[in-house]
C-alpha atoms as a PDB file:
ATOM      1  CA  UNK A   1     -12.362 -74.460  -8.727  1.00  0.00           C
ATOM      2  CA  UNK A   2     -10.502 -77.735  -9.269  1.00  0.00           C
ATOM      3  CA  UNK A   3      -6.974 -78.179  -7.923  1.00  0.00           C
ATOM      4  CA  UNK A   4      -4.392 -76.563 -10.216  1.00  0.00           C
ATOM      5  CA  UNK A   5      -7.116 -75.406 -12.613  1.00  0.00           C
ATOM      6  CA  UNK A   6      -5.676 -71.896 -12.911  1.00  0.00           C
ATOM      7  CA  UNK A   7      -2.159 -73.041 -13.668  1.00  0.00           C
ATOM      8  CA  UNK A   8      -3.437 -75.669 -16.089  1.00  0.00           C
ATOM      9  CA  UNK A   9      -5.321 -72.963 -17.968  1.00  0.00           C
ATOM     10  CA  UNK A  10      -2.288 -70.660 -18.083  1.00  0.00           C
ATOM     11  CA  UNK A  11       0.009 -73.473 -19.223  1.00  0.00           C
ATOM     12  CA  UNK A  12      -2.405 -74.648 -21.906  1.00  0.00           C
ATOM     13  CA  UNK A  13      -2.742 -71.150 -23.318  1.00  0.00           C
ATOM     14  CA  UNK A  14       1.019 -70.686 -23.341  1.00  0.00           C
ATOM     15  CA  UNK A  15       1.479 -74.003 -25.124  1.00  0.00           C
ATOM     16  CA  UNK A  16      -0.944 -72.961 -27.873  1.00  0.00           C
ATOM     17  CA  UNK A  17       0.535 -69.428 -28.066  1.00  0.00           C
ATOM     18  CA  UNK A  18      -2.691 -67.824 -26.873  1.00  0.00           C
ATOM     19  CA  UNK A  19      -1.736 -64.540 -25.254  1.00  0.00           C
ATOM     20  CA  UNK A  20      -3.355 -63.562 -21.967  1.00  0.00           C
ATOM     21  CA  UNK A  21      -4.427 -60.310 -20.331  1.00  0.00           C
ATOM     22  CA  UNK A  22      -4.886 -59.643 -16.624  1.00  0.00           C
ATOM     23  CA  UNK A  23      -6.330 -56.454 -15.144  1.00  0.00           C
ATOM     24  CA  UNK A  24      -5.001 -55.466 -11.714  1.00  0.00           C
ATOM     25  CA  UNK A  25      -7.461 -53.909  -9.273  1.00  0.00           C
ATOM     26  CA  UNK A  26      -6.008 -51.995  -6.333  1.00  0.00           C
ATOM     27  CA  UNK A  27      -8.511 -51.992  -3.414  1.00  0.00           C
ATOM     28  CA  UNK A  28      -7.077 -48.665  -2.218  1.00  0.00           C
ATOM     29  CA  UNK A  29      -8.227 -46.866  -5.355  1.00  0.00           C
ATOM     30  CA  UNK A  30     -11.771 -48.131  -5.786  1.00  0.00           C
ATOM     31  CA  UNK A  31     -15.080 -46.381  -6.171  1.00  0.00           C
ATOM     32  CA  UNK A  32     -17.483 -49.294  -6.552  1.00  0.00           C
ATOM     33  CA  UNK A  33     -19.662 -47.733  -9.227  1.00  0.00           C
ATOM     34  CA  UNK A  34     -16.529 -47.142 -11.294  1.00  0.00           C
ATOM     35  CA  UNK A  35     -15.196 -50.593 -10.454  1.00  0.00           C
ATOM     36  CA  UNK A  36     -18.395 -52.113 -11.834  1.00  0.00           C
ATOM     37  CA  UNK A  37     -17.768 -50.337 -15.143  1.00  0.00           C
ATOM     38  CA  UNK A  38     -14.264 -51.781 -15.226  1.00  0.00           C
ATOM     39  CA  UNK A  39     -15.531 -55.278 -14.447  1.00  0.00           C
ATOM     40  CA  UNK A  40     -18.185 -55.068 -17.162  1.00  0.00           C
ATOM     41  CA  UNK A  41     -15.555 -53.964 -19.646  1.00  0.00           C
ATOM     42  CA  UNK A  42     -13.374 -56.911 -18.601  1.00  0.00           C
ATOM     43  CA  UNK A  43     -16.331 -59.216 -19.260  1.00  0.00           C
ATOM     44  CA  UNK A  44     -16.982 -57.701 -22.685  1.00  0.00           C
ATOM     45  CA  UNK A  45     -13.280 -57.723 -23.636  1.00  0.00           C
ATOM     46  CA  UNK A  46     -12.650 -61.373 -22.732  1.00  0.00           C
ATOM     47  CA  UNK A  47     -10.002 -60.558 -20.130  1.00  0.00           C
ATOM     48  CA  UNK A  48      -8.409 -63.790 -18.925  1.00  0.00           C
ATOM     49  CA  UNK A  49      -7.790 -62.947 -15.275  1.00  0.00           C
ATOM     50  CA  UNK A  50      -8.457 -60.221 -12.747  1.00  0.00           C
ATOM     51  CA  UNK A  51      -5.737 -59.615 -10.161  1.00  0.00           C
ATOM     52  CA  UNK A  52      -6.537 -57.895  -6.879  1.00  0.00           C
ATOM     53  CA  UNK A  53      -4.071 -56.408  -4.390  1.00  0.00           C
ATOM     54  CA  UNK A  54      -1.440 -53.744  -3.977  1.00  0.00           C
ATOM     55  CA  UNK A  55       2.037 -53.077  -2.621  1.00  0.00           C
ATOM     56  CA  UNK A  56       0.576 -51.078   0.267  1.00  0.00           C
ATOM     57  CA  UNK A  57      -3.070 -50.945   1.350  1.00  0.00           C
ATOM     58  CA  UNK A  58      -3.955 -48.037   3.606  1.00  0.00           C
ATOM     59  CA  UNK A  59      -7.708 -47.608   3.272  1.00  0.00           C
ATOM     60  CA  UNK A  60      -8.809 -50.335   0.853  1.00  0.00           C
ATOM     61  CA  UNK A  61     -10.625 -53.517   1.847  1.00  0.00           C
ATOM     62  CA  UNK A  62      -9.396 -56.526  -0.134  1.00  0.00           C
ATOM     63  CA  UNK A  63     -12.161 -58.754   1.242  1.00  0.00           C
ATOM     64  CA  UNK A  64     -14.922 -56.382   0.173  1.00  0.00           C
ATOM     65  CA  UNK A  65     -13.284 -55.664  -3.183  1.00  0.00           C
ATOM     66  CA  UNK A  66     -12.741 -59.343  -4.000  1.00  0.00           C
ATOM     67  CA  UNK A  67     -16.302 -60.208  -3.053  1.00  0.00           C
ATOM     68  CA  UNK A  68     -17.671 -57.400  -5.239  1.00  0.00           C
ATOM     69  CA  UNK A  69     -15.594 -58.600  -8.190  1.00  0.00           C
ATOM     70  CA  UNK A  70     -16.726 -62.221  -7.779  1.00  0.00           C
ATOM     71  CA  UNK A  71     -20.358 -61.124  -7.595  1.00  0.00           C
ATOM     72  CA  UNK A  72     -20.092 -59.413 -10.970  1.00  0.00           C
ATOM     73  CA  UNK A  73     -17.920 -61.683 -13.102  1.00  0.00           C
ATOM     74  CA  UNK A  74     -16.952 -65.286 -13.742  1.00  0.00           C
ATOM     75  CA  UNK A  75     -13.415 -64.270 -14.730  1.00  0.00           C
ATOM     76  CA  UNK A  76     -10.926 -66.053 -12.437  1.00  0.00           C
ATOM     77  CA  UNK A  77      -9.771 -63.808  -9.588  1.00  0.00           C
ATOM     78  CA  UNK A  78      -6.158 -64.060  -8.431  1.00  0.00           C
ATOM     79  CA  UNK A  79      -4.634 -62.202  -5.476  1.00  0.00           C
ATOM     80  CA  UNK A  80      -1.533 -60.148  -6.249  1.00  0.00           C
ATOM     81  CA  UNK A  81      -0.370 -59.829  -2.631  1.00  0.00           C
ATOM     82  CA  UNK A  82       1.692 -56.991  -1.250  1.00  0.00           C
ATOM     83  CA  UNK A  83       1.630 -58.361   2.279  1.00  0.00           C
ATOM     84  CA  UNK A  84       0.521 -61.347   4.347  1.00  0.00           C
ATOM     85  CA  UNK A  85      -2.829 -59.742   5.189  1.00  0.00           C
ATOM     86  CA  UNK A  86      -3.947 -59.675   1.568  1.00  0.00           C
ATOM     87  CA  UNK A  87      -5.657 -63.067   1.629  1.00  0.00           C
ATOM     88  CA  UNK A  88      -9.353 -63.747   1.100  1.00  0.00           C
ATOM     89  CA  UNK A  89     -11.396 -66.850   0.325  1.00  0.00           C
ATOM     90  CA  UNK A  90     -13.389 -64.860  -2.240  1.00  0.00           C
ATOM     91  CA  UNK A  91     -10.505 -65.235  -4.701  1.00  0.00           C
ATOM     92  CA  UNK A  92      -9.727 -68.345  -6.740  1.00  0.00           C
ATOM     93  CA  UNK A  93      -5.977 -68.264  -6.364  1.00  0.00           C
ATOM     94  CA  UNK A  94      -2.972 -66.291  -5.194  1.00  0.00           C
ATOM     95  CA  UNK A  95       0.365 -65.475  -6.774  1.00  0.00           C
ATOM     96  CA  UNK A  96       2.864 -66.944  -4.318  1.00  0.00           C
ATOM     97  CA  UNK A  97       5.409 -64.254  -5.141  1.00  0.00           C
ATOM     98  CA  UNK A  98       9.028 -64.805  -4.214  1.00  0.00           C
ATOM     99  CA  UNK A  99      11.004 -61.612  -4.873  1.00  0.00           C
ATOM    100  CA  UNK A 100      13.966 -63.341  -6.510  1.00  0.00           C
ATOM    101  CA  UNK A 101      15.460 -60.110  -7.851  1.00  0.00           C
ATOM    102  CA  UNK A 102      16.099 -58.986  -4.261  1.00  0.00           C
ATOM    103  CA  UNK A 103      18.006 -60.382  -1.326  1.00  0.00           C
ATOM    104  CA  UNK A 104      15.524 -59.664   1.451  1.00  0.00           C
ATOM    105  CA  UNK A 105      14.756 -63.033   3.034  1.00  0.00           C
ATOM    106  CA  UNK A 106      11.337 -61.880   4.246  1.00  0.00           C
ATOM    107  CA  UNK A 107      10.177 -61.494   0.634  1.00  0.00           C
ATOM    108  CA  UNK A 108      11.943 -64.624  -0.564  1.00  0.00           C
ATOM    109  CA  UNK A 109      10.445 -66.991   2.049  1.00  0.00           C
ATOM    110  CA  UNK A 110       9.706 -65.306   5.397  1.00  0.00           C
ATOM    111  CA  UNK A 111       6.281 -63.833   4.627  1.00  0.00           C
ATOM    112  CA  UNK A 112       5.317 -67.008   2.789  1.00  0.00           C
ATOM    113  CA  UNK A 113       5.728 -69.057   5.944  1.00  0.00           C
ATOM    114  CA  UNK A 114       3.357 -66.716   7.780  1.00  0.00           C
ATOM    115  CA  UNK A 115       0.815 -66.693   4.943  1.00  0.00           C
ATOM    116  CA  UNK A 116       0.834 -70.411   4.079  1.00  0.00           C
ATOM    117  CA  UNK A 117      -1.710 -71.669   6.663  1.00  0.00           C
ATOM    118  CA  UNK A 118      -4.125 -68.845   5.789  1.00  0.00           C
ATOM    119  CA  UNK A 119      -3.821 -69.624   2.081  1.00  0.00           C
ATOM    120  CA  UNK A 120      -4.617 -73.262   2.807  1.00  0.00           C
ATOM    121  CA  UNK A 121      -7.576 -72.308   5.001  1.00  0.00           C
ATOM    122  CA  UNK A 122      -8.941 -70.018   2.287  1.00  0.00           C
ATOM    123  CA  UNK A 123      -8.629 -72.939  -0.184  1.00  0.00           C
ATOM    124  CA  UNK A 124      -6.711 -70.836  -2.709  1.00  0.00           C
ATOM    125  CA  UNK A 125      -4.702 -72.246  -5.569  1.00  0.00           C
ATOM    126  CA  UNK A 126      -1.146 -71.096  -4.871  1.00  0.00           C
ATOM    127  CA  UNK A 127       0.707 -70.140  -8.042  1.00  0.00           C
ATOM    128  CA  UNK A 128       4.426 -70.230  -7.277  1.00  0.00           C
ATOM    129  CA  UNK A 129       5.864 -67.192  -9.073  1.00  0.00           C
ATOM    130  CA  UNK A 130       9.377 -65.819  -9.337  1.00  0.00           C
ATOM    131  CA  UNK A 131       8.882 -62.066  -9.031  1.00  0.00           C
ATOM    132  CA  UNK A 132      11.535 -59.925 -10.704  1.00  0.00           C
ATOM    133  CA  UNK A 133      11.426 -56.187 -10.133  1.00  0.00           C
ATOM    134  CA  UNK A 134      12.910 -54.205 -13.038  1.00  0.00           C
ATOM    135  CA  UNK A 135      13.929 -50.545 -12.924  1.00  0.00           C
ATOM    136  CA  UNK A 136      11.098 -48.627 -14.566  1.00  0.00           C
ATOM    137  CA  UNK A 137      12.652 -45.192 -14.206  1.00  0.00           C
ATOM    138  CA  UNK A 138      10.755 -44.250 -11.055  1.00  0.00           C
ATOM    139  CA  UNK A 139      10.903 -45.227  -7.391  1.00  0.00           C
ATOM    140  CA  UNK A 140       8.221 -47.829  -6.651  1.00  0.00           C
ATOM    141  CA  UNK A 141       6.306 -48.728  -3.517  1.00  0.00           C
ATOM    142  CA  UNK A 142       7.303 -52.382  -3.784  1.00  0.00           C
ATOM    143  CA  UNK A 143      11.013 -51.493  -3.925  1.00  0.00           C
ATOM    144  CA  UNK A 144      10.689 -49.258  -0.871  1.00  0.00           C
ATOM    145  CA  UNK A 145       8.556 -51.669   1.148  1.00  0.00           C
ATOM    146  CA  UNK A 146      10.686 -54.700   0.293  1.00  0.00           C
ATOM    147  CA  UNK A 147      13.978 -52.820   0.760  1.00  0.00           C
ATOM    148  CA  UNK A 148      15.335 -54.309  -2.470  1.00  0.00           C
ATOM    149  CA  UNK A 149      16.910 -52.888  -5.607  1.00  0.00           C
ATOM    150  CA  UNK A 150      15.366 -53.579  -9.020  1.00  0.00           C
ATOM    151  CA  UNK A 151      17.364 -55.149 -11.829  1.00  0.00           C
ATOM    152  CA  UNK A 152      18.797 -52.403 -14.076  1.00  0.00           C
ATOM    153  CA  UNK A 153      16.682 -51.634 -17.114  1.00  0.00           C
ATOM    154  CA  UNK A 154      19.552 -52.372 -19.516  1.00  0.00           C
ATOM    155  CA  UNK A 155      20.729 -55.663 -18.007  1.00  0.00           C
ATOM    156  CA  UNK A 156      18.605 -58.368 -19.676  1.00  0.00           C
ATOM    157  CA  UNK A 157      21.202 -61.042 -18.962  1.00  0.00           C
ATOM    158  CA  UNK A 158      20.759 -60.565 -15.202  1.00  0.00           C
ATOM    159  CA  UNK A 159      16.996 -60.930 -15.534  1.00  0.00           C
ATOM    160  CA  UNK A 160      17.413 -64.046 -17.685  1.00  0.00           C
ATOM    161  CA  UNK A 161      19.669 -65.954 -15.298  1.00  0.00           C
ATOM    162  CA  UNK A 162      17.569 -64.836 -12.319  1.00  0.00           C
ATOM    163  CA  UNK A 163      14.463 -66.173 -14.043  1.00  0.00           C
ATOM    164  CA  UNK A 164      16.240 -69.433 -14.854  1.00  0.00           C
ATOM    165  CA  UNK A 165      17.261 -69.837 -11.226  1.00  0.00           C
ATOM    166  CA  UNK A 166      13.632 -69.307 -10.252  1.00  0.00           C
ATOM    167  CA  UNK A 167      12.525 -72.040 -12.640  1.00  0.00           C
ATOM    168  CA  UNK A 168      15.210 -74.401 -11.330  1.00  0.00           C
ATOM    169  CA  UNK A 169      13.953 -73.732  -7.802  1.00  0.00           C
ATOM    170  CA  UNK A 170      10.553 -75.033  -8.896  1.00  0.00           C
ATOM    171  CA  UNK A 171       8.658 -71.821  -9.534  1.00  0.00           C
ATOM    172  CA  UNK A 172       5.834 -72.222 -12.020  1.00  0.00           C
ATOM    173  CA  UNK A 173       5.855 -68.723 -13.545  1.00  0.00           C
ATOM    174  CA  UNK A 174       8.111 -65.689 -13.873  1.00  0.00           C
ATOM    175  CA  UNK A 175       6.800 -62.141 -13.462  1.00  0.00           C
ATOM    176  CA  UNK A 176       8.847 -59.226 -14.830  1.00  0.00           C
ATOM    177  CA  UNK A 177       7.482 -56.024 -13.296  1.00  0.00           C
ATOM    178  CA  UNK A 178       8.612 -52.452 -13.901  1.00  0.00           C
ATOM    179  CA  UNK A 179       6.314 -51.442 -11.037  1.00  0.00           C
ATOM    180  CA  UNK A 180       3.231 -49.339 -10.572  1.00  0.00           C
ATOM    181  CA  UNK A 181       3.552 -45.953 -12.247  1.00  0.00           C
ATOM    182  CA  UNK A 182       6.686 -46.932 -14.161  1.00  0.00           C
ATOM    183  CA  UNK A 183       7.979 -44.355 -16.621  1.00  0.00           C
ATOM    184  CA  UNK A 184       9.340 -47.084 -18.881  1.00  0.00           C
ATOM    185  CA  UNK A 185       8.205 -50.637 -19.425  1.00  0.00           C
ATOM    186  CA  UNK A 186      10.386 -53.738 -19.459  1.00  0.00           C
ATOM    187  CA  UNK A 187      12.428 -53.697 -22.666  1.00  0.00           C
ATOM    188  CA  UNK A 188      11.724 -56.082 -25.551  1.00  0.00           C
ATOM    189  CA  UNK A 189      15.341 -57.240 -25.289  1.00  0.00           C
ATOM    190  CA  UNK A 190      14.890 -58.288 -21.663  1.00  0.00           C
ATOM    191  CA  UNK A 191      11.590 -60.033 -22.409  1.00  0.00           C
ATOM    192  CA  UNK A 192      13.116 -61.887 -25.369  1.00  0.00           C
ATOM    193  CA  UNK A 193      16.153 -63.004 -23.401  1.00  0.00           C
ATOM    194  CA  UNK A 194      14.131 -64.188 -20.418  1.00  0.00           C
ATOM    195  CA  UNK A 195      11.629 -66.026 -22.611  1.00  0.00           C
ATOM    196  CA  UNK A 196      14.424 -67.736 -24.536  1.00  0.00           C
ATOM    197  CA  UNK A 197      15.969 -68.909 -21.259  1.00  0.00           C
ATOM    198  CA  UNK A 198      12.949 -70.340 -19.420  1.00  0.00           C
ATOM    199  CA  UNK A 199      10.259 -72.867 -20.292  1.00  0.00           C
ATOM    200  CA  UNK A 200       7.518 -71.640 -17.935  1.00  0.00           C
ATOM    201  CA  UNK A 201       4.903 -68.882 -18.450  1.00  0.00           C
ATOM    202  CA  UNK A 202       6.190 -65.303 -18.515  1.00  0.00           C
ATOM    203  CA  UNK A 203       4.116 -62.435 -17.110  1.00  0.00           C
ATOM    204  CA  UNK A 204       5.053 -58.803 -17.802  1.00  0.00           C
ATOM    205  CA  UNK A 205       3.649 -55.667 -16.170  1.00  0.00           C
ATOM    206  CA  UNK A 206       4.401 -52.033 -15.398  1.00  0.00           C
ATOM    207  CA  UNK A 207       4.409 -48.992 -17.661  1.00  0.00           C
ATOM    208  CA  UNK A 208       2.111 -50.484 -20.302  1.00  0.00           C
ATOM    209  CA  UNK A 209      -0.051 -47.523 -21.255  1.00  0.00           C
ATOM    210  CA  UNK A 210      -1.072 -48.147 -24.871  1.00  0.00           C
ATOM    211  CA  UNK A 211      -1.904 -50.915 -27.322  1.00  0.00           C
ATOM    212  CA  UNK A 212       1.265 -50.440 -29.379  1.00  0.00           C
ATOM    213  CA  UNK A 213       3.430 -51.130 -26.331  1.00  0.00           C
ATOM    214  CA  UNK A 214       1.335 -54.173 -25.475  1.00  0.00           C
ATOM    215  CA  UNK A 215       1.717 -55.527 -29.019  1.00  0.00           C
ATOM    216  CA  UNK A 216       5.487 -55.149 -28.762  1.00  0.00           C
ATOM    217  CA  UNK A 217       5.595 -56.894 -25.399  1.00  0.00           C
ATOM    218  CA  UNK A 218       3.448 -59.784 -26.624  1.00  0.00           C
ATOM    219  CA  UNK A 219       5.597 -60.118 -29.749  1.00  0.00           C
ATOM    220  CA  UNK A 220       8.758 -60.169 -27.610  1.00  0.00           C
ATOM    221  CA  UNK A 221       7.562 -63.276 -25.783  1.00  0.00           C
ATOM    222  CA  UNK A 222       5.282 -62.295 -22.897  1.00  0.00           C
ATOM    223  CA  UNK A 223       2.563 -64.875 -22.334  1.00  0.00           C
ATOM    224  CA  UNK A 224       0.518 -62.581 -20.112  1.00  0.00           C
ATOM    225  CA  UNK A 225       0.371 -58.801 -19.755  1.00  0.00           C
ATOM    226  CA  UNK A 226      -0.847 -57.140 -16.564  1.00  0.00           C
ATOM    227  CA  UNK A 227      -2.277 -53.636 -16.685  1.00  0.00           C
ATOM    228  CA  UNK A 228      -3.316 -51.566 -13.687  1.00  0.00           C
ATOM    229  CA  UNK A 229      -2.499 -47.868 -13.451  1.00  0.00           C
ATOM    230  CA  UNK A 230      -3.109 -47.315 -17.144  1.00  0.00           C
ATOM    231  CA  UNK A 231      -6.737 -48.391 -16.849  1.00  0.00           C
ATOM    232  CA  UNK A 232      -7.422 -45.827 -14.130  1.00  0.00           C
ATOM    233  CA  UNK A 233      -6.943 -42.946 -16.564  1.00  0.00           C
ATOM    234  CA  UNK A 234      -8.089 -44.827 -19.655  1.00  0.00           C
ATOM    235  CA  UNK A 235     -10.475 -47.712 -19.016  1.00  0.00           C
ATOM    236  CA  UNK A 236     -10.685 -48.394 -22.768  1.00  0.00           C
ATOM    237  CA  UNK A 237      -7.083 -49.612 -22.575  1.00  0.00           C
ATOM    238  CA  UNK A 238      -8.578 -52.949 -21.509  1.00  0.00           C
ATOM    239  CA  UNK A 239     -10.399 -53.346 -24.819  1.00  0.00           C
ATOM    240  CA  UNK A 240      -7.489 -52.030 -26.867  1.00  0.00           C
ATOM    241  CA  UNK A 241      -4.958 -54.467 -25.395  1.00  0.00           C
ATOM    242  CA  UNK A 242      -7.399 -57.367 -25.521  1.00  0.00           C
ATOM    243  CA  UNK A 243      -7.615 -56.861 -29.283  1.00  0.00           C
ATOM    244  CA  UNK A 244      -3.835 -57.089 -29.492  1.00  0.00           C
ATOM    245  CA  UNK A 245      -3.723 -60.467 -27.737  1.00  0.00           C
ATOM    246  CA  UNK A 246      -6.113 -61.897 -30.308  1.00  0.00           C
ATOM    247  CA  UNK A 247      -4.129 -60.431 -33.203  1.00  0.00           C
ATOM    248  CA  UNK A 248      -0.904 -62.095 -32.173  1.00  0.00           C
ATOM    249  CA  UNK A 249      -2.316 -65.446 -31.068  1.00  0.00           C
ATOM    250  CA  UNK A 250      -2.124 -68.345 -33.498  1.00  0.00           C
END
C-alpha cells in the first residue's frame, strides 16, 4: 500500500461523515474454518478494516492468522498490538497505541522504542493513536497487563482533556476502549464530549453487542466502531452493525 494510505482513507471518510466498522480478530481464539466464515461475512458486509491482535496471546499465532486473513480478503488489515511481538509484514498497518489514560511509561513510549525498528522492517503504516481505557464494569486484560487504571465511566471530562492532550502531542487518532468483555460500553456523553473536543478521528470499542448500541455510538460522534467479542457469539452482528453505519452516513 502507498505511504499513509490507511490514514488518508480514514480521514477522508471522517471528513465526509462516512462511518466505519472494524472487526477485531484475536489469534488466540481462532478456528480457521470459522475464521473463514467471519472473513467472508466481512467481505459481504463491506467492513472497512480488520484488526488483528490481542492484549495477551498465549497459544495464537499472529503471523499465521494475519496471512490467512490476507489470503481471503482485500479489506485492509491493521494490527491491534498487545505487545511488541505482535508485528507481522502480512498486515498493512499497525495502531501505534500510546496508553495515554495510564501513567505506565512502558505503554506510553517504552514498548514503542523496542517495536519501532521491526515496524519499519515490516513496512507497516504506523497509525499514531492515543489509546484511552475506560471502565467498562469488568476487570480487563489490558488494565492488568499494563498496570494502569481506566478512566471512570462517568467522567467524560477526563476523557475529553486526555484526548485533547493526545491530539496536541501529535497523535492522529483517539481510541476509547471499554475493553474486551466489557459489561458496559463507553457512554454517549463521553463520546460526545471527546468528539466535540478533538478534530481527529475517534474510534470506539468494547461492550458493543447489538445494532442499537452501535447506532447510538455512531450518532454520538464515533467515526469508527470496533467489534470483537460480540462477533464470537453472534457473527451476524457484523452485518447488523454495518447496516447501521450506512444508515447514519450522509
